[in-house]
């Protein structure tokens, strides 16, 4: 073998290693997004399982507040449908409705001292509030993962490998104006 063949083979090997590195990084980003979604999914499922317990506890004390309880359960159903189908676009509005429903439920519960004193209610309220905080953290991590993925698959030369190998852009978990605006606490208590 002459020197030019060795140099050519060296350059070809370096190019192949570079392309393999790009591919492996794209695979890692893809799985990072999937993992972030799975983390949200687990928390949504946990909250989904806790909400009927909360509603049942509230029903014992809040018989005539049926509309508030029904709104929470309808929102729960919408979140569940979006979660099960992996529909990120539908999940944002459904989450907003559920958060507003829970806010109303907890505000209405203030008018029922026996309910507020109930240990089951307090435990469920704390559990759901904790899950809400964790979901918000995971949602942020998911969006960071999606952003890293989407930026990487649009950068040169990664875009070439991404298109050849079918790495798609992913949707951010975005909330509309209604879902992110401050809650009017005064209106909840009037």
C-alpha atoms as a PDB file:
ATOM      1  CA  UNK A   1       0.000   0.000   0.000  1.00  0.00           C
ATOM      2  CA  UNK A   2       1.254   3.393  -0.836  1.00  0.00           C
ATOM      3  CA  UNK A   3       1.029   6.474   1.382  1.00  0.00           C
ATOM      4  CA  UNK A   4      -1.882   8.056  -0.523  1.00  0.00           C
ATOM      5  CA  UNK A   5      -4.006   4.900  -0.038  1.00  0.00           C
ATOM      6  CA  UNK A   6      -3.256   4.904   3.695  1.00  0.00           C
ATOM      7  CA  UNK A   7      -4.163   8.604   3.939  1.00  0.00           C
ATOM      8  CA  UNK A   8      -7.364   8.013   1.967  1.00  0.00           C
ATOM      9  CA  UNK A   9      -8.344   5.060   4.177  1.00  0.00           C
ATOM     10  CA  UNK A  10      -7.541   7.129   7.281  1.00  0.00           C
ATOM     11  CA  UNK A  11      -9.728  10.017   6.082  1.00  0.00           C
ATOM     12  CA  UNK A  12     -12.523   7.589   5.133  1.00  0.00           C
ATOM     13  CA  UNK A  13     -12.327   5.892   8.552  1.00  0.00           C
ATOM     14  CA  UNK A  14     -12.433   9.297  10.299  1.00  0.00           C
ATOM     15  CA  UNK A  15     -15.445  10.339   8.208  1.00  0.00           C
ATOM     16  CA  UNK A  16     -17.280   7.091   8.985  1.00  0.00           C
ATOM     17  CA  UNK A  17     -16.530   7.508  12.711  1.00  0.00           C
ATOM     18  CA  UNK A  18     -17.779  11.096  12.555  1.00  0.00           C
ATOM     19  CA  UNK A  19     -21.045  10.015  10.897  1.00  0.00           C
ATOM     20  CA  UNK A  20     -21.481   7.211  13.437  1.00  0.00           C
ATOM     21  CA  UNK A  21     -20.947   9.711  16.256  1.00  0.00           C
ATOM     22  CA  UNK A  22     -23.594  12.031  14.795  1.00  0.00           C
ATOM     23  CA  UNK A  23     -26.031   9.131  14.442  1.00  0.00           C
ATOM     24  CA  UNK A  24     -25.411   7.933  18.001  1.00  0.00           C
ATOM     25  CA  UNK A  25     -25.924  11.451  19.374  1.00  0.00           C
ATOM     26  CA  UNK A  26     -29.225  11.738  17.515  1.00  0.00           C
ATOM     27  CA  UNK A  27     -30.330   8.374  18.910  1.00  0.00           C
ATOM     28  CA  UNK A  28     -29.409   9.550  22.404  1.00  0.00           C
ATOM     29  CA  UNK A  29     -31.465  12.733  21.987  1.00  0.00           C
ATOM     30  CA  UNK A  30     -34.434  10.776  20.653  1.00  0.00           C
ATOM     31  CA  UNK A  31     -34.386   8.497  23.680  1.00  0.00           C
ATOM     32  CA  UNK A  32     -33.935  11.444  26.021  1.00  0.00           C
ATOM     33  CA  UNK A  33     -37.190  12.933  24.702  1.00  0.00           C
ATOM     34  CA  UNK A  34     -38.950   9.575  25.078  1.00  0.00           C
ATOM     35  CA  UNK A  35     -37.662   9.206  28.624  1.00  0.00           C
ATOM     36  CA  UNK A  36     -38.787  12.726  29.519  1.00  0.00           C
ATOM     37  CA  UNK A  37     -42.269  11.989  28.145  1.00  0.00           C
ATOM     38  CA  UNK A  38     -42.378   8.702  30.080  1.00  0.00           C
ATOM     39  CA  UNK A  39     -41.532  10.559  33.287  1.00  0.00           C
ATOM     40  CA  UNK A  40     -44.464  12.915  32.705  1.00  0.00           C
ATOM     41  CA  UNK A  41     -46.688   9.993  31.783  1.00  0.00           C
ATOM     42  CA  UNK A  42     -45.956   8.182  35.061  1.00  0.00           C
ATOM     43  CA  UNK A  43     -46.818  11.271  37.101  1.00  0.00           C
ATOM     44  CA  UNK A  44     -49.980  11.954  35.118  1.00  0.00           C
ATOM     45  CA  UNK A  45     -51.053   8.355  35.697  1.00  0.00           C
ATOM     46  CA  UNK A  46     -50.403   8.680  39.445  1.00  0.00           C
ATOM     47  CA  UNK A  47     -52.442  11.868  39.598  1.00  0.00           C
ATOM     48  CA  UNK A  48     -55.122  10.256  37.430  1.00  0.00           C
ATOM     49  CA  UNK A  49     -55.417   7.475  40.021  1.00  0.00           C
ATOM     50  CA  UNK A  50     -55.578   9.901  42.970  1.00  0.00           C
ATOM     51  CA  UNK A  51     -58.267  12.231  41.625  1.00  0.00           C
ATOM     52  CA  UNK A  52     -61.240   9.834  41.998  1.00  0.00           C
ATOM     53  CA  UNK A  53     -60.279   9.318  45.647  1.00  0.00           C
ATOM     54  CA  UNK A  54     -60.244  13.073  46.174  1.00  0.00           C
ATOM     55  CA  UNK A  55     -63.581  13.527  44.437  1.00  0.00           C
ATOM     56  CA  UNK A  56     -65.167  10.705  46.459  1.00  0.00           C
ATOM     57  CA  UNK A  57     -63.901  12.221  49.698  1.00  0.00           C
ATOM     58  CA  UNK A  58     -65.280  15.607  48.681  1.00  0.00           C
ATOM     59  CA  UNK A  59     -68.656  14.129  47.671  1.00  0.00           C
ATOM     60  CA  UNK A  60     -69.241  13.106  51.269  1.00  0.00           C
ATOM     61  CA  UNK A  61     -69.150  16.752  52.328  1.00  0.00           C
ATOM     62  CA  UNK A  62     -69.942  18.732  49.188  1.00  0.00           C
ATOM     63  CA  UNK A  63     -73.133  17.152  47.902  1.00  0.00           C
ATOM     64  CA  UNK A  64     -74.442  20.259  46.198  1.00  0.00           C
ATOM     65  CA  UNK A  65     -71.103  21.239  44.624  1.00  0.00           C
ATOM     66  CA  UNK A  66     -71.560  18.602  41.937  1.00  0.00           C
ATOM     67  CA  UNK A  67     -70.637  20.941  39.068  1.00  0.00           C
ATOM     68  CA  UNK A  68     -67.154  21.547  40.498  1.00  0.00           C
ATOM     69  CA  UNK A  69     -66.584  17.819  40.974  1.00  0.00           C
ATOM     70  CA  UNK A  70     -67.819  17.039  37.458  1.00  0.00           C
ATOM     71  CA  UNK A  71     -65.463  19.624  35.925  1.00  0.00           C
ATOM     72  CA  UNK A  72     -62.512  17.982  37.669  1.00  0.00           C
ATOM     73  CA  UNK A  73     -63.515  14.538  36.419  1.00  0.00           C
ATOM     74  CA  UNK A  74     -64.106  15.785  32.843  1.00  0.00           C
ATOM     75  CA  UNK A  75     -60.704  17.466  32.831  1.00  0.00           C
ATOM     76  CA  UNK A  76     -59.172  14.281  34.275  1.00  0.00           C
ATOM     77  CA  UNK A  77     -60.678  12.343  31.381  1.00  0.00           C
ATOM     78  CA  UNK A  78     -59.320  14.823  28.806  1.00  0.00           C
ATOM     79  CA  UNK A  79     -55.813  14.625  30.308  1.00  0.00           C
ATOM     80  CA  UNK A  80     -56.013  10.843  30.327  1.00  0.00           C
ATOM     81  CA  UNK A  81     -57.054  10.709  26.668  1.00  0.00           C
ATOM     82  CA  UNK A  82     -54.242  13.047  25.624  1.00  0.00           C
ATOM     83  CA  UNK A  83     -51.733  11.138  27.745  1.00  0.00           C
ATOM     84  CA  UNK A  84     -52.732   7.732  26.413  1.00  0.00           C
ATOM     85  CA  UNK A  85     -52.592   8.891  22.795  1.00  0.00           C
ATOM     86  CA  UNK A  86     -49.343  10.811  23.312  1.00  0.00           C
ATOM     87  CA  UNK A  87     -51.041  13.953  21.964  1.00  0.00           C
ATOM     88  CA  UNK A  88     -48.783  16.698  23.325  1.00  0.00           C
ATOM     89  CA  UNK A  89     -50.852  19.446  21.669  1.00  0.00           C
ATOM     90  CA  UNK A  90     -54.066  18.316  23.410  1.00  0.00           C
ATOM     91  CA  UNK A  91     -52.355  17.743  26.745  1.00  0.00           C
ATOM     92  CA  UNK A  92     -51.571  21.440  27.327  1.00  0.00           C
ATOM     93  CA  UNK A  93     -55.179  22.669  27.237  1.00  0.00           C
ATOM     94  CA  UNK A  94     -56.434  19.599  29.137  1.00  0.00           C
ATOM     95  CA  UNK A  95     -53.843  20.191  31.862  1.00  0.00           C
ATOM     96  CA  UNK A  96     -54.923  23.827  32.077  1.00  0.00           C
ATOM     97  CA  UNK A  97     -58.559  22.800  32.558  1.00  0.00           C
ATOM     98  CA  UNK A  98     -57.601  20.272  35.215  1.00  0.00           C
ATOM     99  CA  UNK A  99     -55.464  22.782  37.104  1.00  0.00           C
ATOM    100  CA  UNK A 100     -58.296  25.304  37.046  1.00  0.00           C
ATOM    101  CA  UNK A 101     -60.752  22.619  38.179  1.00  0.00           C
ATOM    102  CA  UNK A 102     -58.515  21.573  41.048  1.00  0.00           C
ATOM    103  CA  UNK A 103     -58.032  25.209  42.034  1.00  0.00           C
ATOM    104  CA  UNK A 104     -61.796  25.649  42.156  1.00  0.00           C
ATOM    105  CA  UNK A 105     -62.225  22.412  44.090  1.00  0.00           C
ATOM    106  CA  UNK A 106     -59.664  23.396  46.713  1.00  0.00           C
ATOM    107  CA  UNK A 107     -61.163  26.892  46.947  1.00  0.00           C
ATOM    108  CA  UNK A 108     -64.693  25.518  47.400  1.00  0.00           C
ATOM    109  CA  UNK A 109     -63.367  23.098  50.031  1.00  0.00           C
ATOM    110  CA  UNK A 110     -62.494  26.120  52.164  1.00  0.00           C
ATOM    111  CA  UNK A 111     -66.235  26.553  52.806  1.00  0.00           C
ATOM    112  CA  UNK A 112     -66.410  23.066  54.372  1.00  0.00           C
ATOM    113  CA  UNK A 113     -64.483  23.004  57.664  1.00  0.00           C
ATOM    114  CA  UNK A 114     -65.271  19.323  58.226  1.00  0.00           C
ATOM    115  CA  UNK A 115     -63.823  18.469  54.816  1.00  0.00           C
ATOM    116  CA  UNK A 116     -60.715  20.581  55.410  1.00  0.00           C
ATOM    117  CA  UNK A 117     -60.195  18.745  58.696  1.00  0.00           C
ATOM    118  CA  UNK A 118     -60.630  15.298  57.106  1.00  0.00           C
ATOM    119  CA  UNK A 119     -57.278  13.461  57.139  1.00  0.00           C
ATOM    120  CA  UNK A 120     -57.957  11.690  53.843  1.00  0.00           C
ATOM    121  CA  UNK A 121     -58.742  15.013  52.139  1.00  0.00           C
ATOM    122  CA  UNK A 122     -55.615  16.662  53.557  1.00  0.00           C
ATOM    123  CA  UNK A 123     -53.454  13.718  52.486  1.00  0.00           C
ATOM    124  CA  UNK A 124     -54.915  13.662  48.963  1.00  0.00           C
ATOM    125  CA  UNK A 125     -54.645  17.443  48.635  1.00  0.00           C
ATOM    126  CA  UNK A 126     -50.964  17.317  49.617  1.00  0.00           C
ATOM    127  CA  UNK A 127     -50.307  14.333  47.352  1.00  0.00           C
ATOM    128  CA  UNK A 128     -51.952  15.972  44.323  1.00  0.00           C
ATOM    129  CA  UNK A 129     -50.234  19.304  44.987  1.00  0.00           C
ATOM    130  CA  UNK A 130     -46.897  17.491  45.200  1.00  0.00           C
ATOM    131  CA  UNK A 131     -47.611  15.690  41.951  1.00  0.00           C
ATOM    132  CA  UNK A 132     -48.513  19.020  40.309  1.00  0.00           C
ATOM    133  CA  UNK A 133     -45.134  20.474  41.302  1.00  0.00           C
ATOM    134  CA  UNK A 134     -43.284  17.406  40.041  1.00  0.00           C
ATOM    135  CA  UNK A 135     -45.241  17.425  36.765  1.00  0.00           C
ATOM    136  CA  UNK A 136     -44.234  21.060  36.239  1.00  0.00           C
ATOM    137  CA  UNK A 137     -40.566  20.137  36.767  1.00  0.00           C
ATOM    138  CA  UNK A 138     -40.811  17.177  34.396  1.00  0.00           C
ATOM    139  CA  UNK A 139     -42.629  19.285  31.818  1.00  0.00           C
ATOM    140  CA  UNK A 140     -39.682  21.690  31.865  1.00  0.00           C
ATOM    141  CA  UNK A 141     -37.223  18.804  31.428  1.00  0.00           C
ATOM    142  CA  UNK A 142     -39.322  17.413  28.566  1.00  0.00           C
ATOM    143  CA  UNK A 143     -39.301  20.752  26.760  1.00  0.00           C
ATOM    144  CA  UNK A 144     -35.535  21.059  27.226  1.00  0.00           C
ATOM    145  CA  UNK A 145     -35.074  17.572  25.757  1.00  0.00           C
ATOM    146  CA  UNK A 146     -37.361  18.358  22.819  1.00  0.00           C
ATOM    147  CA  UNK A 147     -35.554  21.632  22.185  1.00  0.00           C
ATOM    148  CA  UNK A 148     -32.137  19.912  22.198  1.00  0.00           C
ATOM    149  CA  UNK A 149     -33.465  17.275  19.799  1.00  0.00           C
ATOM    150  CA  UNK A 150     -35.068  19.781  17.444  1.00  0.00           C
ATOM    151  CA  UNK A 151     -32.040  22.059  17.340  1.00  0.00           C
ATOM    152  CA  UNK A 152     -29.689  19.158  16.704  1.00  0.00           C
ATOM    153  CA  UNK A 153     -31.703  17.677  13.835  1.00  0.00           C
ATOM    154  CA  UNK A 154     -31.692  21.062  12.089  1.00  0.00           C
ATOM    155  CA  UNK A 155     -27.956  21.746  12.435  1.00  0.00           C
ATOM    156  CA  UNK A 156     -25.528  20.951   9.664  1.00  0.00           C
ATOM    157  CA  UNK A 157     -24.259  18.233   9.142  1.00  0.00           C
ATOM    158  CA  UNK A 158     -26.617  16.475  11.584  1.00  0.00           C
ATOM    159  CA  UNK A 159     -29.611  17.458   9.444  1.00  0.00           C
ATOM    160  CA  UNK A 160     -28.355  15.182   6.667  1.00  0.00           C
ATOM    161  CA  UNK A 161     -28.154  12.128   8.933  1.00  0.00           C
ATOM    162  CA  UNK A 162     -31.435  13.054  10.670  1.00  0.00           C
ATOM    163  CA  UNK A 163     -33.327  13.212   7.379  1.00  0.00           C
ATOM    164  CA  UNK A 164     -31.708  10.084   5.970  1.00  0.00           C
ATOM    165  CA  UNK A 165     -32.485   8.094   9.116  1.00  0.00           C
ATOM    166  CA  UNK A 166     -35.935   9.577   9.773  1.00  0.00           C
ATOM    167  CA  UNK A 167     -35.368  11.470  13.037  1.00  0.00           C
ATOM    168  CA  UNK A 168     -38.481  13.665  13.389  1.00  0.00           C
ATOM    169  CA  UNK A 169     -38.904  16.976  15.155  1.00  0.00           C
ATOM    170  CA  UNK A 170     -40.912  16.674  18.366  1.00  0.00           C
ATOM    171  CA  UNK A 171     -43.592  18.990  19.734  1.00  0.00           C
ATOM    172  CA  UNK A 172     -43.009  21.125  22.805  1.00  0.00           C
ATOM    173  CA  UNK A 173     -45.534  20.847  25.611  1.00  0.00           C
ATOM    174  CA  UNK A 174     -46.937  24.366  25.333  1.00  0.00           C
ATOM    175  CA  UNK A 175     -49.687  26.031  27.310  1.00  0.00           C
ATOM    176  CA  UNK A 176     -51.894  28.739  25.886  1.00  0.00           C
ATOM    177  CA  UNK A 177     -52.540  32.134  27.425  1.00  0.00           C
ATOM    178  CA  UNK A 178     -55.509  30.759  29.378  1.00  0.00           C
ATOM    179  CA  UNK A 179     -53.433  28.027  31.011  1.00  0.00           C
ATOM    180  CA  UNK A 180     -50.458  30.179  32.022  1.00  0.00           C
ATOM    181  CA  UNK A 181     -52.158  33.319  33.255  1.00  0.00           C
ATOM    182  CA  UNK A 182     -52.316  33.985  36.982  1.00  0.00           C
ATOM    183  CA  UNK A 183     -55.309  32.539  38.755  1.00  0.00           C
ATOM    184  CA  UNK A 184     -57.726  35.146  40.087  1.00  0.00           C
ATOM    185  CA  UNK A 185     -57.900  33.832  43.652  1.00  0.00           C
ATOM    186  CA  UNK A 186     -60.389  36.511  44.663  1.00  0.00           C
ATOM    187  CA  UNK A 187     -62.825  35.245  42.017  1.00  0.00           C
ATOM    188  CA  UNK A 188     -62.468  31.676  43.295  1.00  0.00           C
ATOM    189  CA  UNK A 189     -63.730  32.712  46.731  1.00  0.00           C
ATOM    190  CA  UNK A 190     -66.604  34.921  45.599  1.00  0.00           C
END
